N, C-alpha and C. Protein backbone atom coordinates (compact mmCIF):
# COMPACT_ATOMS: atom_id res chain seq x y z
N MET A 1 110.39 78.64 80.29
CA MET A 1 109.10 78.24 79.77
C MET A 1 108.39 79.48 79.23
N VAL A 2 107.79 79.37 78.10
CA VAL A 2 107.03 80.46 77.48
C VAL A 2 105.55 80.20 77.72
N VAL A 3 104.87 81.22 78.21
CA VAL A 3 103.44 81.11 78.45
C VAL A 3 102.73 81.90 77.36
N GLU A 4 101.79 81.26 76.72
CA GLU A 4 101.04 81.93 75.66
C GLU A 4 100.16 83.00 76.27
N SER A 5 100.18 84.16 75.67
CA SER A 5 99.37 85.27 76.15
C SER A 5 98.12 85.37 75.29
N LYS A 6 96.99 85.41 75.95
CA LYS A 6 95.73 85.59 75.23
C LYS A 6 94.87 86.56 76.02
N PRO A 7 93.90 87.17 75.40
CA PRO A 7 93.07 88.15 76.10
C PRO A 7 92.42 87.54 77.34
N VAL A 8 92.32 88.34 78.37
CA VAL A 8 91.69 87.90 79.62
C VAL A 8 90.18 87.94 79.47
N ASP A 9 89.54 86.89 79.87
CA ASP A 9 88.08 86.84 79.92
C ASP A 9 87.67 87.49 81.24
N LEU A 10 87.06 88.69 81.16
CA LEU A 10 86.72 89.43 82.37
C LEU A 10 85.82 88.64 83.32
N SER A 11 85.04 87.71 82.80
CA SER A 11 84.16 86.93 83.67
C SER A 11 84.95 86.00 84.60
N THR A 12 86.23 85.79 84.31
CA THR A 12 87.05 84.94 85.17
C THR A 12 87.68 85.71 86.32
N LEU A 13 87.59 87.04 86.28
CA LEU A 13 88.18 87.86 87.35
C LEU A 13 87.22 87.98 88.52
N ASP A 14 87.77 87.97 89.72
CA ASP A 14 86.92 88.11 90.90
C ASP A 14 86.57 89.57 91.13
N LEU A 15 85.64 89.81 92.04
CA LEU A 15 85.13 91.14 92.34
C LEU A 15 86.26 92.08 92.77
N ALA A 16 87.18 91.58 93.57
CA ALA A 16 88.27 92.43 94.06
C ALA A 16 89.14 92.93 92.91
N TYR A 17 89.49 92.05 91.98
CA TYR A 17 90.29 92.49 90.83
C TYR A 17 89.52 93.52 90.00
N LEU A 18 88.26 93.25 89.73
CA LEU A 18 87.48 94.17 88.92
C LEU A 18 87.37 95.54 89.61
N GLY A 19 87.14 95.52 90.92
CA GLY A 19 87.08 96.78 91.67
C GLY A 19 88.42 97.51 91.65
N GLN A 20 89.49 96.76 91.81
CA GLN A 20 90.83 97.34 91.79
C GLN A 20 91.13 97.96 90.42
N PHE A 21 90.84 97.23 89.36
CA PHE A 21 91.13 97.73 88.02
C PHE A 21 90.27 98.94 87.67
N LEU A 22 89.02 98.93 88.11
CA LEU A 22 88.17 100.09 87.90
C LEU A 22 88.75 101.30 88.65
N GLY A 23 89.13 101.10 89.90
CA GLY A 23 89.72 102.18 90.67
C GLY A 23 91.00 102.71 90.05
N MET A 24 91.83 101.80 89.54
CA MET A 24 93.08 102.22 88.89
C MET A 24 92.78 103.06 87.65
N ARG A 25 91.78 102.65 86.87
CA ARG A 25 91.43 103.40 85.66
C ARG A 25 90.88 104.77 86.01
N VAL A 26 90.03 104.85 87.03
CA VAL A 26 89.50 106.14 87.46
C VAL A 26 90.65 107.04 87.92
N ASN A 27 91.57 106.51 88.71
CA ASN A 27 92.71 107.30 89.16
C ASN A 27 93.55 107.80 87.99
N GLN A 28 93.70 106.95 86.98
CA GLN A 28 94.45 107.36 85.79
C GLN A 28 93.75 108.52 85.08
N LEU A 29 92.43 108.43 84.94
CA LEU A 29 91.67 109.50 84.29
C LEU A 29 91.74 110.80 85.09
N VAL A 30 91.64 110.70 86.41
CA VAL A 30 91.74 111.88 87.27
C VAL A 30 93.12 112.51 87.13
N LYS A 31 94.15 111.69 87.16
CA LYS A 31 95.52 112.20 87.01
C LYS A 31 95.70 112.90 85.67
N GLU A 32 95.18 112.31 84.60
CA GLU A 32 95.27 112.94 83.27
C GLU A 32 94.57 114.30 83.28
N GLY A 33 93.42 114.37 83.95
CA GLY A 33 92.70 115.65 84.05
C GLY A 33 93.49 116.68 84.82
N LEU A 34 94.11 116.26 85.91
CA LEU A 34 94.94 117.19 86.70
C LEU A 34 96.14 117.66 85.89
N GLN A 35 96.74 116.73 85.16
CA GLN A 35 97.90 117.10 84.35
C GLN A 35 97.52 118.12 83.29
N SER A 36 96.38 117.92 82.65
CA SER A 36 95.96 118.87 81.61
C SER A 36 95.57 120.22 82.21
N ALA A 37 95.27 120.26 83.52
CA ALA A 37 94.92 121.51 84.20
C ALA A 37 96.15 122.20 84.80
N GLY A 38 97.34 121.68 84.51
CA GLY A 38 98.55 122.34 84.97
C GLY A 38 99.21 121.71 86.18
N PHE A 39 98.76 120.55 86.57
CA PHE A 39 99.36 119.83 87.70
C PHE A 39 100.17 118.65 87.17
N ALA A 40 101.15 118.97 86.33
CA ALA A 40 101.89 117.95 85.58
C ALA A 40 102.63 116.95 86.46
N ASN A 41 103.13 117.37 87.59
CA ASN A 41 103.99 116.49 88.39
C ASN A 41 103.28 115.85 89.58
N VAL A 42 101.97 116.03 89.68
CA VAL A 42 101.23 115.41 90.78
C VAL A 42 101.08 113.93 90.49
N ARG A 43 101.39 113.13 91.50
CA ARG A 43 101.30 111.66 91.35
C ARG A 43 100.20 111.11 92.24
N GLU A 44 99.73 109.95 91.90
CA GLU A 44 98.70 109.29 92.71
C GLU A 44 99.16 109.14 94.17
N SER A 45 100.43 108.85 94.35
CA SER A 45 100.95 108.65 95.71
C SER A 45 100.84 109.91 96.56
N HIS A 46 100.79 111.09 95.93
CA HIS A 46 100.64 112.32 96.70
C HIS A 46 99.30 112.36 97.43
N GLY A 47 98.30 111.73 96.85
CA GLY A 47 96.98 111.71 97.47
C GLY A 47 96.98 111.07 98.84
N TYR A 48 97.91 110.14 99.06
CA TYR A 48 97.98 109.47 100.36
C TYR A 48 98.48 110.40 101.45
N VAL A 49 99.13 111.49 101.07
CA VAL A 49 99.55 112.54 102.01
C VAL A 49 98.45 113.59 102.09
N ILE A 50 97.97 114.02 100.94
CA ILE A 50 96.98 115.09 100.88
C ILE A 50 95.73 114.73 101.69
N GLN A 51 95.34 113.46 101.71
CA GLN A 51 94.13 113.05 102.46
C GLN A 51 94.21 113.46 103.92
N HIS A 52 95.41 113.54 104.47
CA HIS A 52 95.58 113.89 105.89
C HIS A 52 95.51 115.40 106.12
N LEU A 53 95.56 116.18 105.05
CA LEU A 53 95.58 117.64 105.18
C LEU A 53 94.27 118.28 104.76
N ILE A 54 93.33 117.49 104.29
CA ILE A 54 92.07 118.04 103.80
C ILE A 54 91.29 118.71 104.93
N GLU A 55 91.24 118.09 106.09
CA GLU A 55 90.43 118.62 107.18
C GLU A 55 91.19 119.56 108.10
N SER A 56 92.52 119.43 108.13
CA SER A 56 93.27 120.30 109.03
C SER A 56 94.76 120.27 108.71
N GLU A 57 95.43 121.34 109.11
CA GLU A 57 96.89 121.34 108.99
C GLU A 57 97.45 120.41 110.05
N ARG A 58 98.66 119.91 109.81
CA ARG A 58 99.25 118.93 110.73
C ARG A 58 100.75 119.16 110.81
N SER A 59 101.30 118.73 111.91
CA SER A 59 102.76 118.76 112.04
C SER A 59 103.33 117.57 111.27
N ILE A 60 104.61 117.65 110.97
CA ILE A 60 105.28 116.52 110.31
C ILE A 60 105.15 115.28 111.18
N THR A 61 105.27 115.44 112.49
CA THR A 61 105.15 114.31 113.42
C THR A 61 103.76 113.67 113.31
N GLU A 62 102.73 114.50 113.29
CA GLU A 62 101.36 113.98 113.14
C GLU A 62 101.19 113.26 111.80
N LEU A 63 101.68 113.89 110.74
CA LEU A 63 101.58 113.27 109.42
C LEU A 63 102.25 111.91 109.41
N ALA A 64 103.46 111.85 109.94
CA ALA A 64 104.20 110.58 109.96
C ALA A 64 103.40 109.52 110.72
N ALA A 65 102.85 109.89 111.86
CA ALA A 65 102.07 108.93 112.66
C ALA A 65 100.83 108.47 111.90
N ARG A 66 100.12 109.40 111.29
CA ARG A 66 98.90 109.03 110.54
C ARG A 66 99.23 108.18 109.33
N MET A 67 100.37 108.46 108.68
CA MET A 67 100.76 107.71 107.49
C MET A 67 101.48 106.42 107.84
N GLU A 68 101.83 106.27 109.13
CA GLU A 68 102.55 105.09 109.62
C GLU A 68 103.90 104.94 108.93
N VAL A 69 104.62 106.08 108.84
CA VAL A 69 105.96 106.10 108.27
C VAL A 69 106.86 106.89 109.23
N THR A 70 108.15 106.91 108.94
CA THR A 70 109.08 107.69 109.76
C THR A 70 108.89 109.18 109.49
N GLN A 71 109.38 110.00 110.40
CA GLN A 71 109.33 111.45 110.18
C GLN A 71 110.15 111.84 108.95
N GLN A 72 111.24 111.12 108.73
CA GLN A 72 112.08 111.41 107.56
C GLN A 72 111.31 111.15 106.26
N ALA A 73 110.58 110.05 106.22
CA ALA A 73 109.79 109.73 105.02
C ALA A 73 108.69 110.77 104.80
N ALA A 74 108.03 111.16 105.87
CA ALA A 74 106.98 112.19 105.77
C ALA A 74 107.59 113.51 105.32
N SER A 75 108.72 113.87 105.88
CA SER A 75 109.39 115.13 105.51
C SER A 75 109.77 115.14 104.04
N LYS A 76 110.22 114.00 103.54
CA LYS A 76 110.64 113.91 102.13
C LYS A 76 109.47 114.19 101.19
N VAL A 77 108.34 113.56 101.42
CA VAL A 77 107.20 113.76 100.53
C VAL A 77 106.60 115.15 100.71
N VAL A 78 106.64 115.68 101.93
CA VAL A 78 106.15 117.03 102.17
C VAL A 78 107.03 118.04 101.42
N ALA A 79 108.34 117.84 101.44
CA ALA A 79 109.25 118.73 100.70
C ALA A 79 108.93 118.69 99.21
N GLU A 80 108.64 117.51 98.69
CA GLU A 80 108.29 117.37 97.28
C GLU A 80 106.99 118.11 96.97
N LEU A 81 105.99 117.94 97.83
CA LEU A 81 104.71 118.62 97.63
C LEU A 81 104.86 120.13 97.77
N SER A 82 105.77 120.55 98.62
CA SER A 82 106.04 121.98 98.78
C SER A 82 106.66 122.55 97.50
N ARG A 83 107.62 121.84 96.92
CA ARG A 83 108.23 122.28 95.65
C ARG A 83 107.19 122.40 94.54
N LEU A 84 106.17 121.54 94.58
CA LEU A 84 105.11 121.57 93.58
C LEU A 84 104.06 122.64 93.89
N GLY A 85 104.16 123.27 95.06
CA GLY A 85 103.20 124.29 95.45
C GLY A 85 101.90 123.75 95.98
N ILE A 86 101.86 122.48 96.32
CA ILE A 86 100.63 121.83 96.78
C ILE A 86 100.42 122.05 98.28
N VAL A 87 101.52 122.13 99.04
CA VAL A 87 101.43 122.38 100.47
C VAL A 87 102.31 123.57 100.84
N GLU A 88 102.01 124.12 101.99
CA GLU A 88 102.83 125.17 102.60
C GLU A 88 103.40 124.62 103.89
N ILE A 89 104.63 124.96 104.17
CA ILE A 89 105.28 124.54 105.41
C ILE A 89 105.47 125.78 106.27
N LEU A 90 104.91 125.74 107.47
CA LEU A 90 104.96 126.88 108.38
C LEU A 90 105.69 126.49 109.65
N ALA A 91 106.28 127.47 110.28
CA ALA A 91 106.91 127.22 111.58
C ALA A 91 105.85 127.35 112.66
N ALA A 92 105.90 126.50 113.65
CA ALA A 92 104.98 126.56 114.79
C ALA A 92 105.60 127.45 115.85
N ALA A 93 104.90 127.61 116.97
CA ALA A 93 105.44 128.40 118.09
C ALA A 93 106.80 127.83 118.50
N ASP A 94 106.87 126.51 118.55
CA ASP A 94 108.15 125.83 118.78
C ASP A 94 108.81 125.71 117.41
N ARG A 95 109.85 126.48 117.18
CA ARG A 95 110.48 126.57 115.85
C ARG A 95 110.97 125.22 115.32
N ARG A 96 111.12 124.24 116.19
CA ARG A 96 111.57 122.92 115.73
C ARG A 96 110.45 122.15 115.05
N VAL A 97 109.21 122.59 115.27
CA VAL A 97 108.04 121.91 114.72
C VAL A 97 107.65 122.59 113.41
N LYS A 98 107.43 121.78 112.40
CA LYS A 98 106.97 122.26 111.10
C LYS A 98 105.51 121.89 110.92
N ILE A 99 104.71 122.87 110.56
CA ILE A 99 103.29 122.65 110.31
C ILE A 99 103.07 122.63 108.80
N VAL A 100 102.29 121.67 108.35
CA VAL A 100 102.02 121.50 106.92
C VAL A 100 100.53 121.71 106.68
N ARG A 101 100.23 122.48 105.65
CA ARG A 101 98.83 122.67 105.26
C ARG A 101 98.74 122.74 103.75
N LEU A 102 97.55 122.45 103.24
CA LEU A 102 97.32 122.58 101.81
C LEU A 102 97.43 124.05 101.42
N SER A 103 98.07 124.31 100.32
CA SER A 103 98.12 125.66 99.77
C SER A 103 96.84 125.89 98.97
N GLU A 104 96.68 127.10 98.46
CA GLU A 104 95.54 127.36 97.57
C GLU A 104 95.62 126.46 96.35
N ARG A 105 96.84 126.27 95.85
CA ARG A 105 97.04 125.39 94.70
C ARG A 105 96.68 123.94 95.07
N GLY A 106 97.03 123.52 96.27
CA GLY A 106 96.68 122.19 96.73
C GLY A 106 95.18 122.01 96.84
N ALA A 107 94.49 123.02 97.39
CA ALA A 107 93.03 122.97 97.50
C ALA A 107 92.40 122.93 96.11
N GLU A 108 93.00 123.66 95.17
CA GLU A 108 92.51 123.63 93.79
C GLU A 108 92.66 122.23 93.19
N ALA A 109 93.80 121.59 93.45
CA ALA A 109 94.02 120.22 92.94
C ALA A 109 92.98 119.27 93.52
N VAL A 110 92.69 119.39 94.81
CA VAL A 110 91.67 118.54 95.44
C VAL A 110 90.33 118.78 94.77
N GLN A 111 89.97 120.05 94.58
CA GLN A 111 88.69 120.38 93.96
C GLN A 111 88.61 119.85 92.53
N LEU A 112 89.67 120.02 91.75
CA LEU A 112 89.68 119.51 90.38
C LEU A 112 89.57 117.99 90.36
N GLY A 113 90.25 117.33 91.28
CA GLY A 113 90.16 115.88 91.38
C GLY A 113 88.75 115.42 91.69
N ARG A 114 88.11 116.12 92.62
CA ARG A 114 86.73 115.77 92.98
C ARG A 114 85.78 116.00 91.81
N GLN A 115 85.99 117.10 91.08
CA GLN A 115 85.14 117.37 89.91
C GLN A 115 85.33 116.29 88.84
N ALA A 116 86.57 115.88 88.63
CA ALA A 116 86.84 114.82 87.65
C ALA A 116 86.16 113.53 88.06
N ARG A 117 86.23 113.20 89.34
CA ARG A 117 85.59 111.97 89.82
C ARG A 117 84.07 112.05 89.65
N LYS A 118 83.49 113.22 89.86
CA LYS A 118 82.04 113.39 89.67
C LYS A 118 81.66 113.17 88.19
N ARG A 119 82.48 113.70 87.28
CA ARG A 119 82.21 113.50 85.85
C ARG A 119 82.29 112.01 85.50
N ILE A 120 83.29 111.34 86.05
CA ILE A 120 83.44 109.91 85.80
C ILE A 120 82.26 109.15 86.39
N GLU A 121 81.84 109.54 87.58
CA GLU A 121 80.69 108.89 88.21
C GLU A 121 79.44 109.06 87.33
N ARG A 122 79.25 110.25 86.78
CA ARG A 122 78.08 110.47 85.91
C ARG A 122 78.15 109.58 84.67
N ARG A 123 79.35 109.39 84.12
CA ARG A 123 79.51 108.48 82.96
C ARG A 123 79.12 107.06 83.34
N LEU A 124 79.56 106.64 84.51
CA LEU A 124 79.26 105.28 84.95
C LEU A 124 77.76 105.10 85.21
N ILE A 125 77.15 106.10 85.83
CA ILE A 125 75.71 106.03 86.10
C ILE A 125 74.94 105.96 84.79
N GLN A 126 75.37 106.76 83.82
CA GLN A 126 74.71 106.75 82.51
C GLN A 126 74.86 105.39 81.84
N ALA A 127 76.03 104.79 81.96
CA ALA A 127 76.27 103.49 81.32
C ALA A 127 75.56 102.35 82.04
N LEU A 128 75.47 102.44 83.37
CA LEU A 128 74.94 101.33 84.16
C LEU A 128 73.48 101.49 84.55
N CYS A 129 72.98 102.68 84.57
CA CYS A 129 71.71 103.11 85.15
C CYS A 129 71.93 103.30 86.65
N SER A 130 71.21 104.23 87.22
CA SER A 130 71.48 104.61 88.61
C SER A 130 71.24 103.45 89.59
N GLU A 131 70.25 102.60 89.32
CA GLU A 131 69.98 101.49 90.24
C GLU A 131 71.15 100.50 90.26
N SER A 132 71.66 100.17 89.09
CA SER A 132 72.79 99.25 89.02
C SER A 132 74.04 99.85 89.65
N TYR A 133 74.23 101.14 89.41
CA TYR A 133 75.38 101.83 90.00
C TYR A 133 75.31 101.77 91.53
N GLU A 134 74.15 102.09 92.09
CA GLU A 134 73.98 102.06 93.55
C GLU A 134 74.14 100.65 94.10
N LEU A 135 73.65 99.66 93.37
CA LEU A 135 73.82 98.27 93.78
C LEU A 135 75.30 97.89 93.80
N ALA A 136 76.04 98.30 92.77
CA ALA A 136 77.47 98.01 92.72
C ALA A 136 78.20 98.67 93.89
N LYS A 137 77.84 99.91 94.20
CA LYS A 137 78.44 100.59 95.35
C LYS A 137 78.15 99.84 96.65
N SER A 138 76.91 99.40 96.79
CA SER A 138 76.52 98.65 98.00
C SER A 138 77.31 97.36 98.13
N ILE A 139 77.46 96.66 97.03
CA ILE A 139 78.19 95.39 97.04
C ILE A 139 79.65 95.61 97.42
N LEU A 140 80.28 96.62 96.81
CA LEU A 140 81.68 96.89 97.14
C LEU A 140 81.83 97.36 98.59
N SER A 141 80.90 98.18 99.06
CA SER A 141 80.94 98.64 100.46
C SER A 141 80.79 97.47 101.43
N LEU A 142 79.87 96.57 101.13
CA LEU A 142 79.68 95.40 101.98
C LEU A 142 80.92 94.52 101.96
N GLY A 143 81.54 94.39 100.79
CA GLY A 143 82.79 93.63 100.71
C GLY A 143 83.88 94.24 101.57
N LEU A 144 84.02 95.57 101.53
CA LEU A 144 85.01 96.25 102.38
C LEU A 144 84.70 96.05 103.85
N GLU A 145 83.42 96.17 104.19
CA GLU A 145 83.03 95.99 105.59
C GLU A 145 83.30 94.55 106.05
N THR A 146 83.01 93.59 105.19
CA THR A 146 83.20 92.18 105.52
C THR A 146 84.66 91.86 105.76
N LEU A 147 85.54 92.43 104.94
CA LEU A 147 86.96 92.10 105.02
C LEU A 147 87.77 93.09 105.86
N GLY A 148 87.13 94.12 106.36
CA GLY A 148 87.83 95.15 107.12
C GLY A 148 88.34 96.22 106.17
N GLY A 149 88.52 97.41 106.68
CA GLY A 149 89.06 98.47 105.86
C GLY A 149 88.19 99.71 105.82
N ILE A 150 86.96 99.59 106.28
CA ILE A 150 86.05 100.74 106.25
C ILE A 150 86.56 101.87 107.15
N GLU A 151 87.07 101.53 108.33
CA GLU A 151 87.49 102.58 109.26
C GLU A 151 88.65 103.41 108.71
N ARG A 152 89.58 102.76 108.01
CA ARG A 152 90.69 103.52 107.40
C ARG A 152 90.15 104.52 106.37
N ILE A 153 89.12 104.14 105.66
CA ILE A 153 88.53 105.04 104.67
C ILE A 153 87.83 106.19 105.39
N ARG A 154 87.03 105.86 106.38
CA ARG A 154 86.29 106.90 107.12
C ARG A 154 87.22 107.90 107.80
N SER A 155 88.35 107.45 108.29
CA SER A 155 89.27 108.33 109.02
C SER A 155 90.36 108.91 108.11
N ARG A 156 90.23 108.72 106.81
CA ARG A 156 91.20 109.22 105.83
C ARG A 156 92.61 108.73 106.15
N ARG A 157 92.72 107.44 106.39
CA ARG A 157 94.03 106.83 106.68
C ARG A 157 94.32 105.66 105.76
N VAL A 158 93.92 105.80 104.50
CA VAL A 158 94.17 104.75 103.52
C VAL A 158 95.65 104.71 103.22
N GLN A 159 96.22 103.52 103.26
CA GLN A 159 97.64 103.34 103.03
C GLN A 159 97.90 103.07 101.55
N PRO A 160 99.03 103.56 101.03
CA PRO A 160 99.37 103.26 99.64
C PRO A 160 99.72 101.78 99.49
N PRO A 161 99.54 101.24 98.29
CA PRO A 161 99.94 99.85 98.08
C PRO A 161 101.47 99.73 98.21
N GLU A 162 101.90 98.60 98.66
CA GLU A 162 103.34 98.39 98.82
C GLU A 162 103.95 97.87 97.55
């Protein structure tokens, strides 16, 4: 069966889809900014690891537990981030334990990402006016609180989409 494709009427989309699509577009713009700043191989999925290293260095075991993945899966992405220069892998007192922390380059990527998001936020505030922007934030926050998910955000334990 062939389904005719026609432009989507945005008014038919629910709040969750609109929020998701806006977030995806912002992430795309941030990624493009990082790529133009010399972070060509950084992917959105790396952010799900980096979020756990912003406040403190962690062992691979801790990272795996926080990310809710196996140690092997955590080790694989950490090795990739290490090759990109985003993280440093250090030996702990117990040589079997590997400690992971953001490198200077990783901290720079975080800072550049935050700056890009601030520029995007200013564009949105200019387009919407600050009152409408704050109202939209409140509505989305209330939606998250209503459906659950706020604690994962507060504790920097947001899971990647499957």
